[in-house]
Amino acid sequence: MADLIAIGYPDETTATEAEREVQRLSRDLIIQPDAVAVVSRDTEGKFHVTTNHHAVAGGATWGMFWGLLFGLLFFVPFFGMALGAGMGALMGKIEKSGIDKNFQKEVRDMLQPGTSALFIVVEKVTPDKAVEAMSKFGGTVLKSSLSKETENALQEALHGQTTA
């Protein structure tokens, strides 16, 4: 089972600093993220997204996953994705993905103009060391679990194949 973790920060820059720490923790094998994204929202309310993800078995595209997820959470298309004929069905799968409505609402409420958030999809983590390293950034932590079935269903919908 993977976890989708969102950590919200009260300014536009802390999530980027925290993402660099996640990369360092990844090199030290304290956190083994499948995908990492930073979303900042400027004072005018415009979203800015930066992703850094690892290849998944079968060549899954995490960028597309983030785009769909952020489209669902914030009602805006990301990465220039056009909503085509199959997109409605795919959005339906994400809505039924186990990312509960309360998590979605909390993320939307947390990411107000002038703030940022770090998003991580992670299966393996050394909790005590990760918490110690990340605590210096503060922030509000939200977490939603993604079952292996949910991950597989999303990857299959995105690519016609499942993760191993």
N, C-alpha and C. Protein backbone atom coordinates (compact mmCIF):
# COMPACT_ATOMS: atom_id res chain seq x y z
N MET A 1 0.84 -1.18 0.00
CA MET A 1 0.00 0.00 0.00
C MET A 1 0.89 1.24 0.00
N ALA A 2 0.52 2.19 -0.83
CA ALA A 2 1.25 3.46 -0.89
C ALA A 2 0.44 4.52 -0.16
N ASP A 3 1.13 5.53 0.30
CA ASP A 3 0.48 6.67 0.93
C ASP A 3 0.69 7.90 0.07
N LEU A 4 -0.35 8.69 -0.04
CA LEU A 4 -0.26 10.01 -0.65
C LEU A 4 -0.21 10.99 0.51
N ILE A 5 0.91 11.69 0.63
CA ILE A 5 1.10 12.63 1.73
C ILE A 5 1.17 14.03 1.16
N ALA A 6 0.44 14.93 1.75
CA ALA A 6 0.47 16.35 1.37
C ALA A 6 0.89 17.13 2.61
N ILE A 7 1.90 17.97 2.46
CA ILE A 7 2.34 18.81 3.57
C ILE A 7 2.21 20.26 3.12
N GLY A 8 1.35 21.00 3.79
CA GLY A 8 1.09 22.39 3.42
C GLY A 8 1.95 23.36 4.21
N TYR A 9 2.36 24.44 3.54
CA TYR A 9 3.21 25.45 4.16
C TYR A 9 2.59 26.83 3.96
N PRO A 10 2.80 27.76 4.90
CA PRO A 10 2.14 29.06 4.85
C PRO A 10 2.77 30.08 3.91
N ASP A 11 3.72 29.65 3.08
CA ASP A 11 4.34 30.56 2.12
C ASP A 11 4.57 29.82 0.81
N GLU A 12 5.05 30.52 -0.19
CA GLU A 12 5.22 29.93 -1.53
C GLU A 12 6.51 29.16 -1.71
N THR A 13 7.47 29.25 -0.81
CA THR A 13 8.79 28.68 -1.05
C THR A 13 9.18 27.47 -0.20
N THR A 14 8.55 27.28 0.94
CA THR A 14 8.99 26.22 1.85
C THR A 14 8.82 24.83 1.24
N ALA A 15 7.78 24.61 0.46
CA ALA A 15 7.58 23.28 -0.14
C ALA A 15 8.77 22.90 -1.03
N THR A 16 9.33 23.87 -1.74
CA THR A 16 10.49 23.60 -2.60
C THR A 16 11.70 23.22 -1.75
N GLU A 17 11.90 23.91 -0.64
CA GLU A 17 13.00 23.57 0.27
C GLU A 17 12.80 22.17 0.86
N ALA A 18 11.56 21.86 1.24
CA ALA A 18 11.24 20.54 1.80
C ALA A 18 11.45 19.45 0.75
N GLU A 19 11.16 19.75 -0.51
CA GLU A 19 11.35 18.76 -1.58
C GLU A 19 12.83 18.41 -1.71
N ARG A 20 13.71 19.38 -1.57
CA ARG A 20 15.15 19.10 -1.62
C ARG A 20 15.56 18.18 -0.47
N GLU A 21 14.95 18.37 0.69
CA GLU A 21 15.23 17.49 1.83
C GLU A 21 14.72 16.08 1.55
N VAL A 22 13.56 15.95 0.93
CA VAL A 22 13.04 14.62 0.56
C VAL A 22 14.02 13.93 -0.39
N GLN A 23 14.59 14.66 -1.33
CA GLN A 23 15.56 14.06 -2.25
C GLN A 23 16.80 13.59 -1.49
N ARG A 24 17.25 14.37 -0.51
CA ARG A 24 18.40 13.95 0.30
C ARG A 24 18.04 12.70 1.10
N LEU A 25 16.86 12.68 1.71
CA LEU A 25 16.42 11.52 2.47
C LEU A 25 16.26 10.30 1.58
N SER A 26 15.89 10.53 0.34
CA SER A 26 15.77 9.44 -0.63
C SER A 26 17.14 8.83 -0.91
N ARG A 27 18.14 9.67 -1.10
CA ARG A 27 19.50 9.17 -1.34
C ARG A 27 20.01 8.36 -0.13
N ASP A 28 19.57 8.75 1.07
CA ASP A 28 19.97 8.04 2.30
C ASP A 28 19.04 6.86 2.61
N LEU A 29 18.08 6.59 1.71
CA LEU A 29 17.11 5.49 1.83
C LEU A 29 16.22 5.60 3.07
N ILE A 30 16.01 6.82 3.55
CA ILE A 30 15.10 7.05 4.67
C ILE A 30 13.67 7.14 4.15
N ILE A 31 13.51 7.77 3.00
CA ILE A 31 12.23 7.83 2.30
C ILE A 31 12.48 7.28 0.91
N GLN A 32 11.60 6.40 0.45
CA GLN A 32 11.71 5.89 -0.91
C GLN A 32 10.44 6.30 -1.67
N PRO A 33 10.45 7.53 -2.20
CA PRO A 33 9.24 8.03 -2.85
C PRO A 33 9.09 7.48 -4.27
N ASP A 34 7.84 7.19 -4.65
CA ASP A 34 7.54 6.84 -6.03
C ASP A 34 7.45 8.11 -6.85
N ALA A 35 6.92 9.16 -6.26
CA ALA A 35 6.74 10.43 -6.97
C ALA A 35 6.68 11.56 -5.96
N VAL A 36 7.18 12.73 -6.38
CA VAL A 36 7.18 13.92 -5.54
C VAL A 36 6.73 15.10 -6.39
N ALA A 37 5.88 15.94 -5.84
CA ALA A 37 5.44 17.14 -6.54
C ALA A 37 5.36 18.30 -5.56
N VAL A 38 5.68 19.49 -6.07
CA VAL A 38 5.53 20.72 -5.30
C VAL A 38 4.49 21.56 -6.02
N VAL A 39 3.50 22.02 -5.26
CA VAL A 39 2.49 22.93 -5.81
C VAL A 39 2.57 24.21 -4.99
N SER A 40 2.78 25.31 -5.68
CA SER A 40 2.71 26.60 -4.99
C SER A 40 1.59 27.40 -5.63
N ARG A 41 1.03 28.27 -4.84
CA ARG A 41 -0.07 29.12 -5.33
C ARG A 41 0.33 30.55 -5.03
N ASP A 42 0.54 31.32 -6.08
CA ASP A 42 1.00 32.69 -5.86
C ASP A 42 -0.12 33.55 -5.28
N THR A 43 0.21 34.78 -4.93
CA THR A 43 -0.76 35.65 -4.26
C THR A 43 -1.95 36.00 -5.15
N GLU A 44 -1.80 35.80 -6.46
CA GLU A 44 -2.92 36.03 -7.38
C GLU A 44 -3.78 34.78 -7.55
N GLY A 45 -3.39 33.68 -6.88
CA GLY A 45 -4.18 32.45 -6.94
C GLY A 45 -3.78 31.48 -8.03
N LYS A 46 -2.73 31.79 -8.80
CA LYS A 46 -2.30 30.92 -9.88
C LYS A 46 -1.43 29.79 -9.32
N PHE A 47 -1.69 28.55 -9.82
CA PHE A 47 -0.95 27.38 -9.38
C PHE A 47 0.32 27.20 -10.20
N HIS A 48 1.39 26.76 -9.52
CA HIS A 48 2.66 26.42 -10.16
C HIS A 48 3.04 25.03 -9.67
N VAL A 49 3.32 24.12 -10.61
CA VAL A 49 3.58 22.72 -10.26
C VAL A 49 4.96 22.31 -10.75
N THR A 50 5.72 21.64 -9.87
CA THR A 50 7.00 21.05 -10.23
C THR A 50 6.94 19.60 -9.77
N THR A 51 7.32 18.68 -10.67
CA THR A 51 7.30 17.26 -10.29
C THR A 51 8.68 16.66 -10.44
N ASN A 52 8.90 15.63 -9.66
CA ASN A 52 10.12 14.84 -9.73
C ASN A 52 9.69 13.44 -9.36
N HIS A 53 9.71 12.52 -10.32
CA HIS A 53 9.22 11.19 -10.06
C HIS A 53 10.17 10.15 -10.60
N HIS A 54 10.06 8.96 -10.02
CA HIS A 54 10.91 7.85 -10.41
C HIS A 54 10.13 6.96 -11.38
N ALA A 55 10.84 6.30 -12.26
CA ALA A 55 10.18 5.39 -13.19
C ALA A 55 9.53 4.26 -12.41
N VAL A 56 8.35 3.87 -12.85
CA VAL A 56 7.61 2.78 -12.23
C VAL A 56 7.59 1.64 -13.22
N ALA A 57 7.53 0.40 -12.75
CA ALA A 57 7.49 -0.76 -13.63
C ALA A 57 6.44 -0.55 -14.71
N GLY A 58 6.78 -0.89 -15.92
CA GLY A 58 5.85 -0.73 -17.03
C GLY A 58 5.85 0.66 -17.60
N GLY A 59 6.72 1.55 -17.14
CA GLY A 59 6.82 2.88 -17.72
C GLY A 59 5.66 3.79 -17.37
N ALA A 60 5.08 3.64 -16.21
CA ALA A 60 3.95 4.47 -15.82
C ALA A 60 4.35 5.94 -15.80
N THR A 61 3.44 6.80 -16.18
CA THR A 61 3.72 8.22 -16.25
C THR A 61 3.14 8.92 -15.02
N TRP A 62 4.00 9.22 -14.06
CA TRP A 62 3.53 9.90 -12.85
C TRP A 62 3.11 11.33 -13.16
N GLY A 63 3.73 11.93 -14.16
CA GLY A 63 3.33 13.28 -14.52
C GLY A 63 1.86 13.36 -14.87
N MET A 64 1.37 12.37 -15.61
CA MET A 64 -0.04 12.33 -15.97
C MET A 64 -0.90 12.10 -14.72
N PHE A 65 -0.41 11.25 -13.81
CA PHE A 65 -1.12 11.00 -12.55
C PHE A 65 -1.27 12.30 -11.77
N TRP A 66 -0.15 13.04 -11.62
CA TRP A 66 -0.20 14.31 -10.89
C TRP A 66 -1.17 15.27 -11.58
N GLY A 67 -1.09 15.34 -12.90
CA GLY A 67 -1.98 16.24 -13.63
C GLY A 67 -3.44 15.95 -13.37
N LEU A 68 -3.78 14.68 -13.41
CA LEU A 68 -5.17 14.30 -13.16
C LEU A 68 -5.56 14.54 -11.71
N LEU A 69 -4.66 14.18 -10.79
CA LEU A 69 -4.96 14.37 -9.37
C LEU A 69 -5.14 15.84 -9.05
N PHE A 70 -4.23 16.69 -9.53
CA PHE A 70 -4.34 18.12 -9.23
C PHE A 70 -5.54 18.73 -9.95
N GLY A 71 -5.86 18.20 -11.11
CA GLY A 71 -7.08 18.65 -11.81
C GLY A 71 -8.31 18.35 -10.98
N LEU A 72 -8.33 17.16 -10.37
CA LEU A 72 -9.44 16.78 -9.51
C LEU A 72 -9.48 17.64 -8.25
N LEU A 73 -8.33 17.83 -7.62
CA LEU A 73 -8.28 18.56 -6.35
C LEU A 73 -8.59 20.05 -6.53
N PHE A 74 -8.05 20.64 -7.58
CA PHE A 74 -8.14 22.09 -7.72
C PHE A 74 -8.99 22.54 -8.89
N PHE A 75 -9.61 21.59 -9.60
CA PHE A 75 -10.52 21.90 -10.70
C PHE A 75 -9.86 22.67 -11.83
N VAL A 76 -8.56 22.43 -12.03
CA VAL A 76 -7.87 23.08 -13.13
C VAL A 76 -7.00 22.04 -13.83
N PRO A 77 -6.92 22.07 -15.17
CA PRO A 77 -6.05 21.13 -15.87
C PRO A 77 -4.59 21.54 -15.72
N PHE A 78 -3.71 20.56 -15.54
CA PHE A 78 -2.28 20.79 -15.41
C PHE A 78 -1.56 20.14 -16.58
N PHE A 79 -0.35 20.57 -16.83
CA PHE A 79 0.53 19.99 -17.82
C PHE A 79 -0.07 20.07 -19.22
N GLY A 80 -0.95 21.03 -19.48
CA GLY A 80 -1.53 21.20 -20.80
C GLY A 80 -2.41 20.05 -21.23
N MET A 81 -2.91 19.26 -20.30
CA MET A 81 -3.72 18.11 -20.67
C MET A 81 -5.11 18.55 -21.12
N ALA A 82 -5.49 18.14 -22.30
CA ALA A 82 -6.82 18.43 -22.79
C ALA A 82 -7.76 17.33 -22.31
N LEU A 83 -8.98 17.69 -22.00
CA LEU A 83 -9.96 16.70 -21.59
C LEU A 83 -10.59 16.07 -22.83
N GLY A 84 -10.17 14.86 -23.13
CA GLY A 84 -10.67 14.15 -24.30
C GLY A 84 -11.77 13.18 -23.93
N ALA A 85 -12.14 12.35 -24.90
CA ALA A 85 -13.26 11.41 -24.72
C ALA A 85 -13.03 10.46 -23.56
N GLY A 86 -11.81 9.93 -23.41
CA GLY A 86 -11.54 8.97 -22.34
C GLY A 86 -11.25 9.60 -21.01
N MET A 87 -11.07 10.92 -20.96
CA MET A 87 -10.68 11.59 -19.73
C MET A 87 -11.78 11.52 -18.67
N GLY A 88 -13.03 11.60 -19.08
CA GLY A 88 -14.12 11.54 -18.12
C GLY A 88 -14.10 10.25 -17.33
N ALA A 89 -13.88 9.13 -18.03
CA ALA A 89 -13.83 7.83 -17.36
C ALA A 89 -12.63 7.77 -16.42
N LEU A 90 -11.51 8.31 -16.86
CA LEU A 90 -10.31 8.30 -16.04
C LEU A 90 -10.49 9.16 -14.79
N MET A 91 -11.09 10.34 -14.95
CA MET A 91 -11.36 11.19 -13.79
C MET A 91 -12.29 10.47 -12.82
N GLY A 92 -13.24 9.71 -13.36
CA GLY A 92 -14.13 8.92 -12.51
C GLY A 92 -13.36 7.91 -11.68
N LYS A 93 -12.35 7.28 -12.29
CA LYS A 93 -11.53 6.31 -11.56
C LYS A 93 -10.77 6.99 -10.43
N ILE A 94 -10.24 8.18 -10.71
CA ILE A 94 -9.50 8.89 -9.67
C ILE A 94 -10.45 9.32 -8.55
N GLU A 95 -11.66 9.76 -8.92
CA GLU A 95 -12.62 10.16 -7.89
C GLU A 95 -12.98 8.98 -7.01
N LYS A 96 -12.97 7.75 -7.57
CA LYS A 96 -13.30 6.55 -6.80
C LYS A 96 -12.04 5.87 -6.27
N SER A 97 -10.93 6.55 -6.30
CA SER A 97 -9.62 5.95 -6.05
C SER A 97 -9.33 5.63 -4.59
N GLY A 98 -10.16 6.03 -3.69
CA GLY A 98 -9.82 5.84 -2.30
C GLY A 98 -9.20 7.10 -1.71
N ILE A 99 -9.00 8.11 -2.52
CA ILE A 99 -8.57 9.41 -1.99
C ILE A 99 -9.85 10.07 -1.52
N ASP A 100 -10.09 9.96 -0.23
CA ASP A 100 -11.40 10.35 0.28
C ASP A 100 -11.71 11.83 0.11
N LYS A 101 -12.99 12.10 0.10
CA LYS A 101 -13.48 13.47 -0.14
C LYS A 101 -12.96 14.44 0.92
N ASN A 102 -12.83 13.97 2.16
CA ASN A 102 -12.34 14.82 3.23
C ASN A 102 -10.89 15.25 2.96
N PHE A 103 -10.04 14.29 2.52
CA PHE A 103 -8.66 14.61 2.16
C PHE A 103 -8.64 15.65 1.04
N GLN A 104 -9.47 15.43 0.01
CA GLN A 104 -9.52 16.36 -1.11
C GLN A 104 -9.89 17.77 -0.64
N LYS A 105 -10.90 17.86 0.23
CA LYS A 105 -11.34 19.16 0.73
C LYS A 105 -10.24 19.81 1.57
N GLU A 106 -9.60 19.02 2.44
CA GLU A 106 -8.54 19.57 3.28
C GLU A 106 -7.38 20.11 2.44
N VAL A 107 -7.03 19.40 1.36
CA VAL A 107 -5.95 19.87 0.49
C VAL A 107 -6.35 21.18 -0.17
N ARG A 108 -7.57 21.24 -0.69
CA ARG A 108 -8.05 22.48 -1.33
C ARG A 108 -8.04 23.64 -0.33
N ASP A 109 -8.51 23.38 0.89
CA ASP A 109 -8.54 24.43 1.92
C ASP A 109 -7.14 24.87 2.32
N MET A 110 -6.20 23.93 2.32
CA MET A 110 -4.85 24.20 2.76
C MET A 110 -4.07 25.05 1.74
N LEU A 111 -4.31 24.84 0.47
CA LEU A 111 -3.52 25.51 -0.57
C LEU A 111 -4.21 26.78 -1.04
N GLN A 112 -4.12 27.80 -0.20
CA GLN A 112 -4.70 29.11 -0.49
C GLN A 112 -3.66 29.99 -1.19
N PRO A 113 -4.06 31.11 -1.78
CA PRO A 113 -3.09 32.01 -2.40
C PRO A 113 -1.97 32.38 -1.42
N GLY A 114 -0.72 32.36 -1.92
CA GLY A 114 0.44 32.69 -1.11
C GLY A 114 0.99 31.52 -0.32
N THR A 115 0.56 30.28 -0.61
CA THR A 115 1.02 29.11 0.12
C THR A 115 1.62 28.08 -0.85
N SER A 116 2.12 26.98 -0.28
CA SER A 116 2.66 25.90 -1.10
C SER A 116 2.42 24.57 -0.38
N ALA A 117 2.58 23.48 -1.14
CA ALA A 117 2.43 22.14 -0.55
C ALA A 117 3.36 21.17 -1.26
N LEU A 118 3.85 20.22 -0.49
CA LEU A 118 4.68 19.14 -0.99
C LEU A 118 3.81 17.89 -1.02
N PHE A 119 3.76 17.21 -2.16
CA PHE A 119 3.01 15.97 -2.32
C PHE A 119 3.99 14.84 -2.56
N ILE A 120 3.81 13.73 -1.84
CA ILE A 120 4.70 12.57 -1.98
C ILE A 120 3.84 11.31 -2.06
N VAL A 121 4.12 10.46 -3.04
CA VAL A 121 3.56 9.10 -3.06
C VAL A 121 4.70 8.21 -2.60
N VAL A 122 4.49 7.52 -1.48
CA VAL A 122 5.57 6.75 -0.87
C VAL A 122 5.04 5.41 -0.35
N GLU A 123 5.85 4.37 -0.55
CA GLU A 123 5.52 3.06 0.01
C GLU A 123 6.42 2.73 1.19
N LYS A 124 7.68 3.16 1.14
CA LYS A 124 8.63 2.82 2.19
C LYS A 124 9.22 4.08 2.80
N VAL A 125 9.22 4.09 4.13
CA VAL A 125 9.76 5.25 4.85
C VAL A 125 10.22 4.78 6.23
N THR A 126 11.29 5.39 6.73
CA THR A 126 11.73 5.18 8.11
C THR A 126 11.14 6.35 8.89
N PRO A 127 9.96 6.13 9.53
CA PRO A 127 9.19 7.25 10.08
C PRO A 127 9.94 8.16 11.04
N ASP A 128 10.66 7.60 12.02
CA ASP A 128 11.28 8.47 13.02
C ASP A 128 12.33 9.38 12.39
N LYS A 129 13.15 8.87 11.49
CA LYS A 129 14.18 9.69 10.86
C LYS A 129 13.57 10.70 9.89
N ALA A 130 12.53 10.29 9.18
CA ALA A 130 11.88 11.19 8.23
C ALA A 130 11.20 12.35 8.97
N VAL A 131 10.50 12.04 10.04
CA VAL A 131 9.81 13.08 10.81
C VAL A 131 10.83 14.05 11.40
N GLU A 132 11.92 13.51 11.94
CA GLU A 132 12.96 14.37 12.52
C GLU A 132 13.53 15.32 11.47
N ALA A 133 13.81 14.81 10.27
CA ALA A 133 14.42 15.63 9.22
C ALA A 133 13.43 16.66 8.67
N MET A 134 12.17 16.29 8.55
CA MET A 134 11.18 17.16 7.93
C MET A 134 10.56 18.16 8.91
N SER A 135 10.68 17.90 10.20
CA SER A 135 10.02 18.75 11.20
C SER A 135 10.54 20.19 11.18
N LYS A 136 11.76 20.40 10.73
CA LYS A 136 12.32 21.76 10.70
C LYS A 136 11.56 22.69 9.76
N PHE A 137 10.77 22.12 8.83
CA PHE A 137 10.00 22.93 7.89
C PHE A 137 8.60 23.26 8.40
N GLY A 138 8.18 22.59 9.49
CA GLY A 138 6.83 22.81 9.99
C GLY A 138 5.81 22.27 9.00
N GLY A 139 4.69 22.95 8.90
CA GLY A 139 3.68 22.55 7.93
C GLY A 139 2.56 21.72 8.51
N THR A 140 1.53 21.56 7.70
CA THR A 140 0.36 20.76 8.06
C THR A 140 0.39 19.50 7.22
N VAL A 141 0.35 18.33 7.86
CA VAL A 141 0.46 17.06 7.16
C VAL A 141 -0.91 16.42 6.99
N LEU A 142 -1.21 16.04 5.74
CA LEU A 142 -2.42 15.30 5.40
C LEU A 142 -1.99 14.01 4.73
N LYS A 143 -2.72 12.93 4.97
CA LYS A 143 -2.32 11.63 4.42
C LYS A 143 -3.55 10.86 3.95
N SER A 144 -3.42 10.21 2.80
CA SER A 144 -4.46 9.33 2.29
C SER A 144 -3.77 8.08 1.77
N SER A 145 -4.30 6.91 2.09
CA SER A 145 -3.71 5.66 1.64
C SER A 145 -4.28 5.24 0.30
N LEU A 146 -3.40 4.72 -0.54
CA LEU A 146 -3.78 4.19 -1.84
C LEU A 146 -3.50 2.69 -1.81
N SER A 147 -4.54 1.87 -1.91
CA SER A 147 -4.33 0.43 -1.92
C SER A 147 -3.61 0.04 -3.20
N LYS A 148 -2.98 -1.13 -3.20
CA LYS A 148 -2.30 -1.62 -4.39
C LYS A 148 -3.31 -1.74 -5.54
N GLU A 149 -4.55 -2.13 -5.21
CA GLU A 149 -5.59 -2.24 -6.24
C GLU A 149 -5.89 -0.87 -6.85
N THR A 150 -5.94 0.15 -6.01
CA THR A 150 -6.20 1.50 -6.50
C THR A 150 -5.05 1.97 -7.39
N GLU A 151 -3.81 1.76 -6.93
CA GLU A 151 -2.66 2.14 -7.76
C GLU A 151 -2.72 1.43 -9.11
N ASN A 152 -2.98 0.12 -9.07
CA ASN A 152 -3.03 -0.66 -10.31
C ASN A 152 -4.15 -0.18 -11.22
N ALA A 153 -5.32 0.11 -10.65
CA ALA A 153 -6.45 0.58 -11.47
C ALA A 153 -6.12 1.91 -12.13
N LEU A 154 -5.48 2.82 -11.38
CA LEU A 154 -5.11 4.11 -11.95
C LEU A 154 -4.06 3.95 -13.04
N GLN A 155 -3.04 3.14 -12.77
CA GLN A 155 -1.99 2.95 -13.77
C GLN A 155 -2.55 2.25 -15.01
N GLU A 156 -3.44 1.28 -14.81
CA GLU A 156 -4.04 0.59 -15.95
C GLU A 156 -4.88 1.56 -16.78
N ALA A 157 -5.63 2.42 -16.10
CA ALA A 157 -6.44 3.40 -16.81
C ALA A 157 -5.56 4.38 -17.58
N LEU A 158 -4.42 4.75 -16.97
CA LEU A 158 -3.51 5.68 -17.64
C LEU A 158 -2.76 5.05 -18.80
N HIS A 159 -2.39 3.77 -18.62
CA HIS A 159 -1.44 3.17 -19.57
C HIS A 159 -1.85 1.83 -20.13
N GLY A 160 -2.95 1.25 -19.66
CA GLY A 160 -3.34 -0.07 -20.13
C GLY A 160 -2.48 -1.16 -19.52
N GLN A 161 -1.78 -0.84 -18.44
CA GLN A 161 -0.95 -1.85 -17.76
C GLN A 161 -0.89 -1.54 -16.27
N THR A 162 -0.50 -2.53 -15.50
CA THR A 162 -0.45 -2.34 -14.05
C THR A 162 1.00 -2.31 -13.60
N THR A 163 1.17 -1.79 -12.36
CA THR A 163 2.49 -1.83 -11.75
C THR A 163 2.72 -3.21 -11.19
N ALA A 164 3.96 -3.58 -11.01
CA ALA A 164 4.29 -4.93 -10.52
C ALA A 164 4.16 -5.00 -9.02
